[in-house]
Structure formats: C-alpha cells, structure tokens
Amino acid sequence: MPVIDDLRSLGRMMVERGLVAGPGGNVSARDGKSMVCSPSGYDVDRIADGEWSVIDIESGKQTAGPRATSEWEMHLFSLRARPEMNVVCHAHPPIATGIISGGMEILPWTPDFVAYVDSLYYLPFVKPSSTELALRVQEGFKTGASGVALRNHGVVTLGRNWRDAFAKMLIVEDTAKTQMAAIIAGKPRPLTDAEVAHVRGMEVEAYRRKILERGGA
C-alpha cells in the first residue's frame, strides 16, 4: 500500500534525524476519503502493515486498525483545513521545541527556511490530545502556515507528500539550531525583510520547491 510505505519512510526519517524519541510523535496521510495514521503507543518507525489505523475524513469514525494515536483529531482537522495537503508530521524536535518553549519565535536565518517553510503559526501550551488543540492547530493551518509551533510540546507540519512534510520539519529544527548558535555567538542577525522578499522571488527556489512538492528527492 503506497500510503503506508510513505508513512513508514517518514517515521523512519523522523527517528533517524532525532526529531522524536521512543513512542513520541505521530504521522498521517490522506488516502482517498480516509486518513491513515499511526496507532497509539507505537514507535513511528516500527509499525507493521496491519497495524495502521484508518479513519474516515468526513465522519471522523475509525474504520480499521488498532486504536489510533491520541492526536488523531489534530491530524484529521489539519487535513480538513488544507485539502491540497496530504501528509501530517507531528514531532518533538528538541531545539525547536526549546526555542518555542522559551518564548521565542523561530526567525528566518537562511534561504531554505524562507523557501520551504516561510511561516509558522505559534500556539501557547494547549492540553495534548484534546479537541481544543486540534481546533487551534486547524486554525493555524487555515492561515496558510507551513507548520504550527506548539509551546512545551512540539511542531506539526503539513506537506503535499511525505518528503515535503518531513523537509519542513527538518528545516524548522535546523533553523532553530542556527538561531541558538547565533545567539550564543553574540551578534544574531536574521534575514531582513528585503532579503526575505528576494528569496521568495527567486526562480531557482521556486523550482526546488516544486520538485519537493512533486515528491522528488
């Protein structure tokens, strides 16, 4: 099943790059009128073919598989918010989560952040696995943001495919590392508004983004 293969690849890469630990984090993908998501209590890189949960997107009713991740509503509402997006990645990137939880926003330090992420929507701490959190995340994605930053919790990204969702998550974490290093170095200088606008208008960045959104490496 292609969707499961994609989610398995996403989960493996999340673990390999240190974006989750143990059974933390969860993933999902649109499959026609259904959402396939990781089950509750499983490491995202250790889910067998028959262990994925399936939920009807319109009704929100589970139709197959074991008990879904406790964050299933957040995944469902995220997909409902952006019909053009197909994959949801929720991780706990340590540096990004630390920056967010410290009361700071992640700034545009590099062209990659501008080209692939561009904007994050920030939320205060909201009870995990709650309908309130799902609604607040949905609200964030409706603004067009690439990701939602959850204080004292983690980050959620949306993608047209698993590579797109993963790249956004990884770039958020790498940008947070750059921000921390810049602060430690003593003279932090993120990109200016004019520089951000220039990157947004670069044809080469638009081309690279298009390749990623098509599922390219």
N, C-alpha and C. Protein backbone atom coordinates (compact mmCIF):
# COMPACT_ATOMS: atom_id res chain seq x y z
N MET A 1 0.85 -1.19 0.00
CA MET A 1 0.00 0.00 0.00
C MET A 1 0.89 1.24 0.00
N PRO A 2 0.86 2.04 -1.06
CA PRO A 2 1.77 3.18 -1.19
C PRO A 2 1.72 4.15 -0.01
N VAL A 3 0.52 4.42 0.51
CA VAL A 3 0.40 5.37 1.62
C VAL A 3 1.17 4.86 2.84
N ILE A 4 1.04 3.58 3.14
CA ILE A 4 1.75 3.01 4.28
C ILE A 4 3.25 3.03 4.05
N ASP A 5 3.68 2.75 2.83
CA ASP A 5 5.11 2.82 2.52
C ASP A 5 5.65 4.23 2.76
N ASP A 6 4.86 5.23 2.35
CA ASP A 6 5.28 6.62 2.55
C ASP A 6 5.36 6.97 4.04
N LEU A 7 4.35 6.56 4.80
CA LEU A 7 4.35 6.86 6.23
C LEU A 7 5.48 6.14 6.95
N ARG A 8 5.77 4.94 6.51
CA ARG A 8 6.89 4.20 7.11
C ARG A 8 8.21 4.94 6.83
N SER A 9 8.37 5.45 5.62
CA SER A 9 9.57 6.22 5.29
C SER A 9 9.66 7.48 6.15
N LEU A 10 8.54 8.15 6.31
CA LEU A 10 8.50 9.36 7.13
C LEU A 10 8.88 9.05 8.57
N GLY A 11 8.27 8.01 9.13
CA GLY A 11 8.58 7.65 10.51
C GLY A 11 10.03 7.28 10.71
N ARG A 12 10.59 6.55 9.76
CA ARG A 12 11.99 6.15 9.86
C ARG A 12 12.91 7.38 9.85
N MET A 13 12.63 8.32 8.95
CA MET A 13 13.47 9.50 8.86
C MET A 13 13.34 10.39 10.10
N MET A 14 12.15 10.46 10.68
CA MET A 14 11.96 11.24 11.90
C MET A 14 12.83 10.71 13.03
N VAL A 15 12.89 9.39 13.14
CA VAL A 15 13.70 8.77 14.19
C VAL A 15 15.18 8.94 13.88
N GLU A 16 15.58 8.68 12.63
CA GLU A 16 16.99 8.78 12.26
C GLU A 16 17.55 10.18 12.48
N ARG A 17 16.73 11.20 12.29
CA ARG A 17 17.21 12.58 12.43
C ARG A 17 16.95 13.15 13.82
N GLY A 18 16.52 12.32 14.76
CA GLY A 18 16.37 12.76 16.14
C GLY A 18 15.23 13.71 16.39
N LEU A 19 14.18 13.62 15.58
CA LEU A 19 13.03 14.51 15.73
C LEU A 19 12.00 13.97 16.70
N VAL A 20 12.11 12.70 17.05
CA VAL A 20 11.23 12.08 18.05
C VAL A 20 12.06 11.10 18.87
N ALA A 21 11.53 10.71 20.01
CA ALA A 21 12.18 9.71 20.86
C ALA A 21 11.14 8.73 21.37
N GLY A 22 11.48 7.44 21.34
CA GLY A 22 10.54 6.43 21.82
C GLY A 22 9.24 6.47 21.04
N PRO A 23 8.11 6.35 21.73
CA PRO A 23 6.81 6.36 21.03
C PRO A 23 6.28 7.77 20.79
N GLY A 24 7.13 8.78 20.92
CA GLY A 24 6.68 10.15 20.70
C GLY A 24 6.45 10.45 19.23
N GLY A 25 5.63 11.46 18.96
CA GLY A 25 5.33 11.87 17.59
C GLY A 25 4.33 10.95 16.92
N ASN A 26 3.75 11.42 15.83
CA ASN A 26 2.78 10.64 15.08
C ASN A 26 2.68 11.18 13.66
N VAL A 27 2.20 10.33 12.75
CA VAL A 27 2.13 10.68 11.33
C VAL A 27 0.80 10.25 10.74
N SER A 28 0.41 10.89 9.66
CA SER A 28 -0.82 10.50 8.97
C SER A 28 -0.75 10.93 7.51
N ALA A 29 -1.62 10.32 6.70
CA ALA A 29 -1.68 10.66 5.28
C ALA A 29 -3.09 10.47 4.76
N ARG A 30 -3.45 11.31 3.82
CA ARG A 30 -4.74 11.20 3.14
C ARG A 30 -4.68 10.02 2.17
N ASP A 31 -5.72 9.20 2.18
CA ASP A 31 -5.83 8.08 1.24
C ASP A 31 -7.27 8.06 0.73
N GLY A 32 -7.51 8.82 -0.34
CA GLY A 32 -8.87 8.97 -0.83
C GLY A 32 -9.71 9.73 0.18
N LYS A 33 -10.80 9.11 0.64
CA LYS A 33 -11.67 9.73 1.63
C LYS A 33 -11.31 9.33 3.05
N SER A 34 -10.20 8.63 3.20
CA SER A 34 -9.77 8.16 4.51
C SER A 34 -8.44 8.79 4.92
N MET A 35 -8.17 8.73 6.21
CA MET A 35 -6.88 9.13 6.75
C MET A 35 -6.24 7.91 7.39
N VAL A 36 -5.03 7.60 6.96
CA VAL A 36 -4.26 6.52 7.57
C VAL A 36 -3.30 7.16 8.56
N CYS A 37 -3.29 6.69 9.81
CA CYS A 37 -2.43 7.31 10.82
C CYS A 37 -1.76 6.27 11.70
N SER A 38 -0.73 6.71 12.39
CA SER A 38 -0.02 5.80 13.29
C SER A 38 -0.91 5.46 14.49
N PRO A 39 -0.77 4.25 15.01
CA PRO A 39 -1.57 3.82 16.15
C PRO A 39 -0.99 4.33 17.47
N SER A 40 -1.80 4.29 18.49
CA SER A 40 -1.38 4.75 19.81
C SER A 40 -0.31 3.83 20.41
N GLY A 41 0.73 4.44 20.97
CA GLY A 41 1.73 3.68 21.71
C GLY A 41 2.86 3.08 20.91
N TYR A 42 2.84 3.23 19.59
CA TYR A 42 3.87 2.62 18.73
C TYR A 42 4.96 3.63 18.39
N ASP A 43 6.21 3.17 18.31
CA ASP A 43 7.27 3.99 17.73
C ASP A 43 6.95 4.19 16.25
N VAL A 44 7.13 5.40 15.74
CA VAL A 44 6.70 5.69 14.37
C VAL A 44 7.51 4.95 13.31
N ASP A 45 8.64 4.39 13.69
CA ASP A 45 9.45 3.64 12.72
C ASP A 45 9.30 2.13 12.88
N ARG A 46 8.34 1.69 13.69
CA ARG A 46 8.18 0.26 13.94
C ARG A 46 6.70 -0.16 13.86
N ILE A 47 6.07 0.21 12.77
CA ILE A 47 4.65 -0.11 12.60
C ILE A 47 4.51 -1.03 11.40
N ALA A 48 3.98 -2.22 11.62
CA ALA A 48 3.81 -3.21 10.54
C ALA A 48 2.61 -2.85 9.67
N ASP A 49 2.50 -3.52 8.53
CA ASP A 49 1.44 -3.22 7.57
C ASP A 49 0.05 -3.24 8.19
N GLY A 50 -0.26 -4.23 9.00
CA GLY A 50 -1.61 -4.35 9.54
C GLY A 50 -1.86 -3.58 10.81
N GLU A 51 -0.90 -2.75 11.20
CA GLU A 51 -1.02 -2.04 12.48
C GLU A 51 -1.37 -0.56 12.33
N TRP A 52 -1.66 -0.12 11.14
CA TRP A 52 -2.03 1.28 10.91
C TRP A 52 -3.52 1.48 11.15
N SER A 53 -3.87 2.65 11.65
CA SER A 53 -5.27 2.98 11.92
C SER A 53 -5.85 3.75 10.73
N VAL A 54 -7.12 3.52 10.44
CA VAL A 54 -7.79 4.17 9.31
C VAL A 54 -9.03 4.89 9.83
N ILE A 55 -9.17 6.16 9.47
CA ILE A 55 -10.28 6.99 9.93
C ILE A 55 -10.94 7.67 8.74
N ASP A 56 -12.26 7.67 8.70
CA ASP A 56 -13.00 8.35 7.65
C ASP A 56 -12.86 9.86 7.86
N ILE A 57 -12.41 10.58 6.85
CA ILE A 57 -12.14 12.01 7.00
C ILE A 57 -13.41 12.81 7.25
N GLU A 58 -14.49 12.47 6.59
CA GLU A 58 -15.72 13.26 6.74
C GLU A 58 -16.38 13.03 8.09
N SER A 59 -16.53 11.78 8.49
CA SER A 59 -17.25 11.46 9.72
C SER A 59 -16.37 11.46 10.97
N GLY A 60 -15.08 11.22 10.78
CA GLY A 60 -14.19 11.11 11.93
C GLY A 60 -14.27 9.77 12.63
N LYS A 61 -14.92 8.81 12.01
CA LYS A 61 -15.07 7.48 12.60
C LYS A 61 -13.93 6.57 12.17
N GLN A 62 -13.39 5.80 13.11
CA GLN A 62 -12.35 4.85 12.76
C GLN A 62 -12.97 3.64 12.08
N THR A 63 -12.38 3.23 10.96
CA THR A 63 -12.94 2.14 10.17
C THR A 63 -12.07 0.89 10.16
N ALA A 64 -10.82 1.00 10.59
CA ALA A 64 -9.93 -0.17 10.56
C ALA A 64 -8.72 0.08 11.44
N GLY A 65 -8.06 -1.03 11.82
CA GLY A 65 -6.81 -0.95 12.55
C GLY A 65 -6.97 -0.82 14.05
N PRO A 66 -5.85 -0.82 14.76
CA PRO A 66 -5.86 -0.67 16.22
C PRO A 66 -6.20 0.76 16.63
N ARG A 67 -6.27 0.98 17.92
CA ARG A 67 -6.59 2.31 18.44
C ARG A 67 -5.64 3.35 17.85
N ALA A 68 -6.22 4.42 17.31
CA ALA A 68 -5.42 5.45 16.65
C ALA A 68 -4.63 6.27 17.67
N THR A 69 -3.58 6.93 17.18
CA THR A 69 -2.84 7.85 18.02
C THR A 69 -3.78 8.78 18.77
N SER A 70 -3.41 9.15 19.98
CA SER A 70 -4.26 10.04 20.77
C SER A 70 -4.39 11.42 20.14
N GLU A 71 -3.51 11.74 19.19
CA GLU A 71 -3.57 13.03 18.50
C GLU A 71 -4.32 12.93 17.17
N TRP A 72 -5.14 11.90 16.99
CA TRP A 72 -5.79 11.69 15.69
C TRP A 72 -6.66 12.87 15.27
N GLU A 73 -7.30 13.53 16.23
CA GLU A 73 -8.14 14.68 15.86
C GLU A 73 -7.29 15.81 15.28
N MET A 74 -6.12 16.02 15.83
CA MET A 74 -5.24 17.06 15.32
C MET A 74 -4.85 16.77 13.88
N HIS A 75 -4.57 15.52 13.58
CA HIS A 75 -4.24 15.13 12.21
C HIS A 75 -5.45 15.31 11.29
N LEU A 76 -6.60 14.85 11.75
CA LEU A 76 -7.81 14.93 10.94
C LEU A 76 -8.17 16.38 10.62
N PHE A 77 -8.15 17.23 11.64
CA PHE A 77 -8.53 18.63 11.43
C PHE A 77 -7.50 19.37 10.57
N SER A 78 -6.25 18.93 10.64
CA SER A 78 -5.21 19.54 9.80
C SER A 78 -5.47 19.23 8.33
N LEU A 79 -5.80 17.98 8.03
CA LEU A 79 -6.10 17.60 6.64
C LEU A 79 -7.36 18.29 6.15
N ARG A 80 -8.34 18.44 7.02
CA ARG A 80 -9.57 19.14 6.63
C ARG A 80 -9.29 20.61 6.33
N ALA A 81 -8.33 21.19 7.05
CA ALA A 81 -8.02 22.61 6.88
C ALA A 81 -7.40 22.92 5.53
N ARG A 82 -6.65 21.95 4.98
CA ARG A 82 -5.90 22.20 3.74
C ARG A 82 -6.08 21.02 2.79
N PRO A 83 -7.13 21.02 1.99
CA PRO A 83 -7.41 19.89 1.09
C PRO A 83 -6.29 19.60 0.10
N GLU A 84 -5.43 20.57 -0.18
CA GLU A 84 -4.35 20.35 -1.14
C GLU A 84 -3.16 19.62 -0.51
N MET A 85 -3.18 19.48 0.80
CA MET A 85 -2.10 18.80 1.52
C MET A 85 -2.50 17.37 1.85
N ASN A 86 -1.53 16.48 1.90
CA ASN A 86 -1.83 15.06 2.04
C ASN A 86 -1.15 14.35 3.21
N VAL A 87 -0.15 14.98 3.81
CA VAL A 87 0.59 14.31 4.88
C VAL A 87 0.77 15.25 6.07
N VAL A 88 0.57 14.70 7.27
CA VAL A 88 0.78 15.45 8.51
C VAL A 88 1.92 14.80 9.28
N CYS A 89 2.86 15.61 9.72
CA CYS A 89 4.00 15.15 10.51
C CYS A 89 4.00 15.89 11.84
N HIS A 90 3.89 15.16 12.94
CA HIS A 90 3.97 15.77 14.27
C HIS A 90 5.17 15.19 14.99
N ALA A 91 6.10 16.05 15.35
CA ALA A 91 7.33 15.61 16.00
C ALA A 91 7.65 16.50 17.19
N HIS A 92 8.69 16.11 17.92
CA HIS A 92 9.14 16.86 19.09
C HIS A 92 10.60 17.27 18.90
N PRO A 93 10.90 18.04 17.84
CA PRO A 93 12.29 18.44 17.59
C PRO A 93 12.85 19.19 18.79
N PRO A 94 13.90 18.70 19.42
CA PRO A 94 14.32 19.24 20.72
C PRO A 94 14.74 20.70 20.73
N ILE A 95 15.52 21.12 19.75
CA ILE A 95 15.98 22.52 19.76
C ILE A 95 14.83 23.46 19.41
N ALA A 96 14.07 23.13 18.39
CA ALA A 96 12.93 23.97 18.02
C ALA A 96 11.93 24.07 19.17
N THR A 97 11.64 22.93 19.80
CA THR A 97 10.69 22.95 20.92
C THR A 97 11.24 23.78 22.07
N GLY A 98 12.55 23.70 22.30
CA GLY A 98 13.16 24.52 23.35
C GLY A 98 13.07 26.00 23.05
N ILE A 99 13.36 26.39 21.80
CA ILE A 99 13.27 27.80 21.41
C ILE A 99 11.84 28.31 21.60
N ILE A 100 10.87 27.52 21.12
CA ILE A 100 9.46 27.90 21.22
C ILE A 100 9.04 28.00 22.68
N SER A 101 9.43 27.01 23.47
CA SER A 101 9.03 26.97 24.88
C SER A 101 9.70 28.06 25.69
N GLY A 102 10.82 28.57 25.19
CA GLY A 102 11.49 29.69 25.84
C GLY A 102 10.86 31.03 25.52
N GLY A 103 9.79 31.01 24.75
CA GLY A 103 9.06 32.24 24.45
C GLY A 103 9.55 32.98 23.21
N MET A 104 10.38 32.32 22.40
CA MET A 104 10.89 32.95 21.19
C MET A 104 10.24 32.36 19.96
N GLU A 105 10.21 33.13 18.89
CA GLU A 105 9.80 32.61 17.59
C GLU A 105 11.05 32.21 16.80
N ILE A 106 10.89 31.27 15.88
CA ILE A 106 12.00 30.85 15.03
C ILE A 106 12.05 31.81 13.84
N LEU A 107 13.16 32.48 13.69
CA LEU A 107 13.29 33.56 12.71
C LEU A 107 13.88 33.05 11.40
N PRO A 108 13.76 33.84 10.33
CA PRO A 108 14.31 33.44 9.02
C PRO A 108 15.82 33.69 8.96
N TRP A 109 16.60 32.68 9.33
CA TRP A 109 18.05 32.82 9.33
C TRP A 109 18.67 32.41 8.00
N THR A 110 17.99 31.58 7.23
CA THR A 110 18.57 31.05 5.99
C THR A 110 17.56 31.09 4.85
N PRO A 111 18.05 31.07 3.60
CA PRO A 111 17.14 31.00 2.46
C PRO A 111 16.26 29.75 2.47
N ASP A 112 16.79 28.62 2.95
CA ASP A 112 15.98 27.39 2.98
C ASP A 112 14.74 27.56 3.83
N PHE A 113 14.87 28.23 4.97
CA PHE A 113 13.70 28.43 5.82
C PHE A 113 12.64 29.24 5.08
N VAL A 114 13.08 30.29 4.40
CA VAL A 114 12.14 31.14 3.66
C VAL A 114 11.50 30.37 2.52
N ALA A 115 12.31 29.61 1.78
CA ALA A 115 11.82 28.93 0.59
C ALA A 115 10.89 27.76 0.90
N TYR A 116 11.19 27.02 1.97
CA TYR A 116 10.45 25.78 2.22
C TYR A 116 9.46 25.86 3.37
N VAL A 117 9.71 26.73 4.33
CA VAL A 117 8.80 26.86 5.48
C VAL A 117 8.07 28.20 5.41
N ASP A 118 8.81 29.26 5.39
CA ASP A 118 8.31 30.63 5.26
C ASP A 118 7.59 31.12 6.51
N SER A 119 6.56 30.41 6.95
CA SER A 119 5.83 30.92 8.12
C SER A 119 5.39 29.79 9.04
N LEU A 120 5.46 30.08 10.33
CA LEU A 120 4.95 29.18 11.36
C LEU A 120 3.86 29.91 12.14
N TYR A 121 2.91 29.14 12.62
CA TYR A 121 1.83 29.69 13.46
C TYR A 121 2.12 29.22 14.88
N TYR A 122 2.11 30.15 15.82
CA TYR A 122 2.52 29.83 17.19
C TYR A 122 1.32 29.72 18.13
N LEU A 123 1.34 28.66 18.93
CA LEU A 123 0.29 28.44 19.92
C LEU A 123 0.90 28.34 21.32
N PRO A 124 0.19 28.82 22.33
CA PRO A 124 0.62 28.58 23.71
C PRO A 124 0.39 27.11 24.04
N PHE A 125 0.77 26.70 25.23
CA PHE A 125 0.52 25.31 25.60
C PHE A 125 -0.97 25.05 25.64
N VAL A 126 -1.37 24.00 24.94
CA VAL A 126 -2.76 23.53 24.94
C VAL A 126 -2.71 22.04 25.29
N LYS A 127 -3.66 21.58 26.07
CA LYS A 127 -3.66 20.19 26.52
C LYS A 127 -3.48 19.23 25.35
N PRO A 128 -2.45 18.38 25.37
CA PRO A 128 -2.24 17.42 24.28
C PRO A 128 -3.42 16.48 24.12
N SER A 129 -3.62 16.01 22.91
CA SER A 129 -4.65 15.01 22.58
C SER A 129 -6.07 15.52 22.81
N SER A 130 -6.23 16.83 22.88
CA SER A 130 -7.56 17.40 23.13
C SER A 130 -8.18 17.93 21.84
N THR A 131 -9.51 18.01 21.85
CA THR A 131 -10.21 18.61 20.71
C THR A 131 -9.84 20.08 20.59
N GLU A 132 -9.60 20.74 21.72
CA GLU A 132 -9.19 22.14 21.69
C GLU A 132 -7.89 22.31 20.91
N LEU A 133 -6.93 21.43 21.17
CA LEU A 133 -5.66 21.51 20.43
C LEU A 133 -5.89 21.28 18.95
N ALA A 134 -6.71 20.30 18.61
CA ALA A 134 -6.99 20.02 17.20
C ALA A 134 -7.58 21.24 16.50
N LEU A 135 -8.51 21.91 17.17
CA LEU A 135 -9.15 23.09 16.58
C LEU A 135 -8.17 24.25 16.45
N ARG A 136 -7.29 24.42 17.43
CA ARG A 136 -6.32 25.51 17.36
C ARG A 136 -5.29 25.26 16.26
N VAL A 137 -4.88 24.00 16.10
CA VAL A 137 -3.94 23.67 15.02
C VAL A 137 -4.61 23.87 13.66
N GLN A 138 -5.86 23.46 13.56
CA GLN A 138 -6.61 23.68 12.32
C GLN A 138 -6.67 25.17 11.99
N GLU A 139 -6.93 25.97 12.99
CA GLU A 139 -6.96 27.42 12.83
C GLU A 139 -5.63 27.93 12.28
N GLY A 140 -4.54 27.38 12.79
CA GLY A 140 -3.22 27.79 12.33
C GLY A 140 -2.98 27.45 10.88
N PHE A 141 -3.34 26.25 10.48
CA PHE A 141 -3.11 25.84 9.10
C PHE A 141 -4.02 26.59 8.13
N LYS A 142 -5.17 27.02 8.58
CA LYS A 142 -6.06 27.79 7.71
C LYS A 142 -5.47 29.14 7.33
N THR A 143 -4.48 29.61 8.08
CA THR A 143 -3.82 30.87 7.72
C THR A 143 -2.84 30.69 6.57
N GLY A 144 -2.58 29.43 6.19
CA GLY A 144 -1.61 29.16 5.13
C GLY A 144 -0.23 28.82 5.64
N ALA A 145 -0.05 28.76 6.96
CA ALA A 145 1.25 28.44 7.54
C ALA A 145 1.69 27.04 7.14
N SER A 146 3.00 26.85 7.04
CA SER A 146 3.55 25.53 6.71
C SER A 146 3.60 24.62 7.93
N GLY A 147 3.65 25.24 9.10
CA GLY A 147 3.73 24.46 10.33
C GLY A 147 3.11 25.20 11.48
N VAL A 148 2.77 24.45 12.53
CA VAL A 148 2.24 25.03 13.75
C VAL A 148 3.18 24.67 14.89
N ALA A 149 3.65 25.68 15.60
CA ALA A 149 4.59 25.50 16.71
C ALA A 149 3.81 25.45 18.01
N LEU A 150 3.97 24.36 18.75
CA LEU A 150 3.22 24.12 19.98
C LEU A 150 4.15 24.31 21.18
N ARG A 151 3.91 25.33 21.95
CA ARG A 151 4.79 25.61 23.09
C ARG A 151 4.75 24.45 24.09
N ASN A 152 5.92 24.06 24.59
CA ASN A 152 6.07 22.95 25.54
C ASN A 152 5.53 21.63 24.99
N HIS A 153 5.55 21.47 23.68
CA HIS A 153 5.01 20.25 23.08
C HIS A 153 5.80 19.82 21.85
N GLY A 154 5.78 20.61 20.79
CA GLY A 154 6.47 20.20 19.57
C GLY A 154 6.04 21.02 18.37
N VAL A 155 6.07 20.41 17.21
CA VAL A 155 5.76 21.08 15.95
C VAL A 155 4.93 20.16 15.08
N VAL A 156 4.02 20.73 14.29
CA VAL A 156 3.23 19.99 13.31
C VAL A 156 3.48 20.62 11.95
N THR A 157 3.77 19.80 10.94
CA THR A 157 3.91 20.31 9.58
C THR A 157 2.97 19.58 8.64
N LEU A 158 2.60 20.26 7.57
CA LEU A 158 1.76 19.69 6.51
C LEU A 158 2.57 19.64 5.22
N GLY A 159 2.35 18.60 4.42
CA GLY A 159 3.04 18.51 3.14
C GLY A 159 2.17 17.90 2.07
N ARG A 160 2.53 18.16 0.83
CA ARG A 160 1.81 17.52 -0.28
C ARG A 160 2.15 16.04 -0.35
N ASN A 161 3.30 15.68 0.18
CA ASN A 161 3.73 14.28 0.25
C ASN A 161 4.63 14.15 1.48
N TRP A 162 5.09 12.93 1.75
CA TRP A 162 5.86 12.74 2.98
C TRP A 162 7.18 13.49 2.97
N ARG A 163 7.83 13.57 1.81
CA ARG A 163 9.11 14.28 1.74
C ARG A 163 8.92 15.77 2.03
N ASP A 164 7.83 16.32 1.55
CA ASP A 164 7.52 17.73 1.77
C ASP A 164 7.30 18.01 3.26
N ALA A 165 6.47 17.18 3.89
CA ALA A 165 6.18 17.36 5.32
C ALA A 165 7.44 17.18 6.16
N PHE A 166 8.25 16.19 5.79
CA PHE A 166 9.48 15.92 6.54
C PHE A 166 10.49 17.04 6.36
N ALA A 167 10.66 17.52 5.13
CA ALA A 167 11.63 18.58 4.87
C ALA A 167 11.29 19.83 5.68
N LYS A 168 10.02 20.16 5.77
CA LYS A 168 9.62 21.33 6.56
C LYS A 168 9.99 21.14 8.03
N MET A 169 9.71 19.95 8.56
CA MET A 169 10.03 19.68 9.96
C MET A 169 11.54 19.76 10.20
N LEU A 170 12.31 19.15 9.31
CA LEU A 170 13.76 19.13 9.47
C LEU A 170 14.35 20.54 9.36
N ILE A 171 13.83 21.33 8.44
CA ILE A 171 14.33 22.70 8.27
C ILE A 171 13.97 23.57 9.47
N VAL A 172 12.79 23.35 10.05
CA VAL A 172 12.44 24.07 11.28
C VAL A 172 13.46 23.77 12.37
N GLU A 173 13.79 22.49 12.55
CA GLU A 173 14.77 22.12 13.58
C GLU A 173 16.16 22.66 13.26
N ASP A 174 16.60 22.55 12.02
CA ASP A 174 17.93 23.06 11.66
C ASP A 174 18.00 24.58 11.83
N THR A 175 16.91 25.26 11.51
CA THR A 175 16.88 26.72 11.68
C THR A 175 16.93 27.09 13.15
N ALA A 176 16.27 26.31 13.98
CA ALA A 176 16.32 26.56 15.43
C ALA A 176 17.75 26.39 15.95
N LYS A 177 18.47 25.40 15.42
CA LYS A 177 19.88 25.21 15.80
C LYS A 177 20.71 26.42 15.39
N THR A 178 20.46 26.92 14.19
CA THR A 178 21.18 28.11 13.72
C THR A 178 20.89 29.30 14.62
N GLN A 179 19.62 29.45 15.00
CA GLN A 179 19.24 30.56 15.87
C GLN A 179 19.95 30.46 17.22
N MET A 180 19.97 29.28 17.79
CA MET A 180 20.64 29.10 19.08
C MET A 180 22.13 29.41 18.97
N ALA A 181 22.76 28.94 17.89
CA ALA A 181 24.19 29.20 17.69
C ALA A 181 24.45 30.69 17.51
N ALA A 182 23.57 31.37 16.78
CA ALA A 182 23.74 32.81 16.55
C ALA A 182 23.63 33.59 17.85
N ILE A 183 22.71 33.18 18.70
CA ILE A 183 22.54 33.85 19.99
C ILE A 183 23.77 33.64 20.87
N ILE A 184 24.28 32.41 20.87
CA ILE A 184 25.47 32.10 21.66
C ILE A 184 26.68 32.88 21.14
N ALA A 185 26.77 33.00 19.81
CA ALA A 185 27.90 33.71 19.20
C ALA A 185 27.90 35.19 19.57
N GLY A 186 26.73 35.74 19.84
CA GLY A 186 26.69 37.09 20.38
C GLY A 186 26.18 38.19 19.49
N LYS A 187 26.14 37.98 18.16
CA LYS A 187 25.65 39.03 17.27
C LYS A 187 24.64 38.44 16.28
N PRO A 188 23.48 38.02 16.78
CA PRO A 188 22.49 37.38 15.91
C PRO A 188 21.95 38.35 14.86
N ARG A 189 21.87 37.86 13.63
CA ARG A 189 21.35 38.68 12.53
C ARG A 189 20.52 37.81 11.60
N PRO A 190 19.21 37.76 11.78
CA PRO A 190 18.37 37.03 10.83
C PRO A 190 18.27 37.81 9.52
N LEU A 191 17.70 37.19 8.50
CA LEU A 191 17.50 37.87 7.23
C LEU A 191 16.56 39.07 7.42
N THR A 192 16.84 40.12 6.69
CA THR A 192 15.97 41.30 6.74
C THR A 192 14.71 41.06 5.90
N ASP A 193 13.74 41.92 6.06
CA ASP A 193 12.51 41.80 5.27
C ASP A 193 12.81 41.85 3.77
N ALA A 194 13.74 42.72 3.38
CA ALA A 194 14.10 42.84 1.97
C ALA A 194 14.76 41.55 1.47
N GLU A 195 15.61 40.97 2.28
CA GLU A 195 16.27 39.72 1.90
C GLU A 195 15.28 38.57 1.82
N VAL A 196 14.34 38.54 2.74
CA VAL A 196 13.29 37.51 2.70
C VAL A 196 12.48 37.65 1.41
N ALA A 197 12.11 38.87 1.06
CA ALA A 197 11.34 39.11 -0.16
C ALA A 197 12.13 38.67 -1.39
N HIS A 198 13.43 38.90 -1.39
CA HIS A 198 14.26 38.50 -2.52
C HIS A 198 14.27 36.98 -2.68
N VAL A 199 14.44 36.27 -1.57
CA VAL A 199 14.45 34.80 -1.63
C VAL A 199 13.11 34.28 -2.13
N ARG A 200 12.03 34.87 -1.65
CA ARG A 200 10.70 34.43 -2.09
C ARG A 200 10.52 34.57 -3.59
N GLY A 201 11.20 35.53 -4.18
CA GLY A 201 11.05 35.77 -5.61
C GLY A 201 12.05 35.05 -6.49
N MET A 202 12.94 34.27 -5.91
CA MET A 202 13.98 33.60 -6.69
C MET A 202 13.40 32.41 -7.46
N GLU A 203 13.62 32.39 -8.76
CA GLU A 203 13.10 31.31 -9.60
C GLU A 203 13.68 29.96 -9.21
N VAL A 204 14.95 29.93 -8.86
CA VAL A 204 15.58 28.66 -8.53
C VAL A 204 14.97 28.04 -7.28
N GLU A 205 14.58 28.88 -6.31
CA GLU A 205 13.95 28.35 -5.10
C GLU A 205 12.55 27.84 -5.41
N ALA A 206 11.84 28.53 -6.28
CA ALA A 206 10.51 28.06 -6.68
C ALA A 206 10.61 26.71 -7.38
N TYR A 207 11.64 26.54 -8.20
CA TYR A 207 11.84 25.28 -8.90
C TYR A 207 12.15 24.15 -7.92
N ARG A 208 13.06 24.41 -6.97
CA ARG A 208 13.41 23.39 -5.98
C ARG A 208 12.19 23.00 -5.14
N ARG A 209 11.39 23.98 -4.80
CA ARG A 209 10.18 23.72 -4.01
C ARG A 209 9.19 22.87 -4.80
N LYS A 210 9.08 23.15 -6.09
CA LYS A 210 8.17 22.39 -6.94
C LYS A 210 8.60 20.93 -7.03
N ILE A 211 9.90 20.69 -7.14
CA ILE A 211 10.41 19.31 -7.19
C ILE A 211 10.07 18.57 -5.90
N LEU A 212 10.28 19.23 -4.77
CA LEU A 212 9.98 18.61 -3.48
C LEU A 212 8.50 18.31 -3.35
N GLU A 213 7.66 19.23 -3.76
CA GLU A 213 6.21 19.03 -3.66
C GLU A 213 5.72 17.91 -4.57
N ARG A 214 6.48 17.63 -5.64
CA ARG A 214 6.13 16.52 -6.52
C ARG A 214 6.63 15.19 -5.99
N GLY A 215 7.39 15.24 -4.89
CA GLY A 215 7.89 14.01 -4.29
C GLY A 215 9.31 13.68 -4.64
N GLY A 216 10.03 14.62 -5.27
CA GLY A 216 11.41 14.38 -5.64
C GLY A 216 12.32 14.36 -4.43
N ALA A 217 13.53 13.86 -4.63
CA ALA A 217 14.49 13.78 -3.52
C ALA A 217 14.95 15.16 -3.11
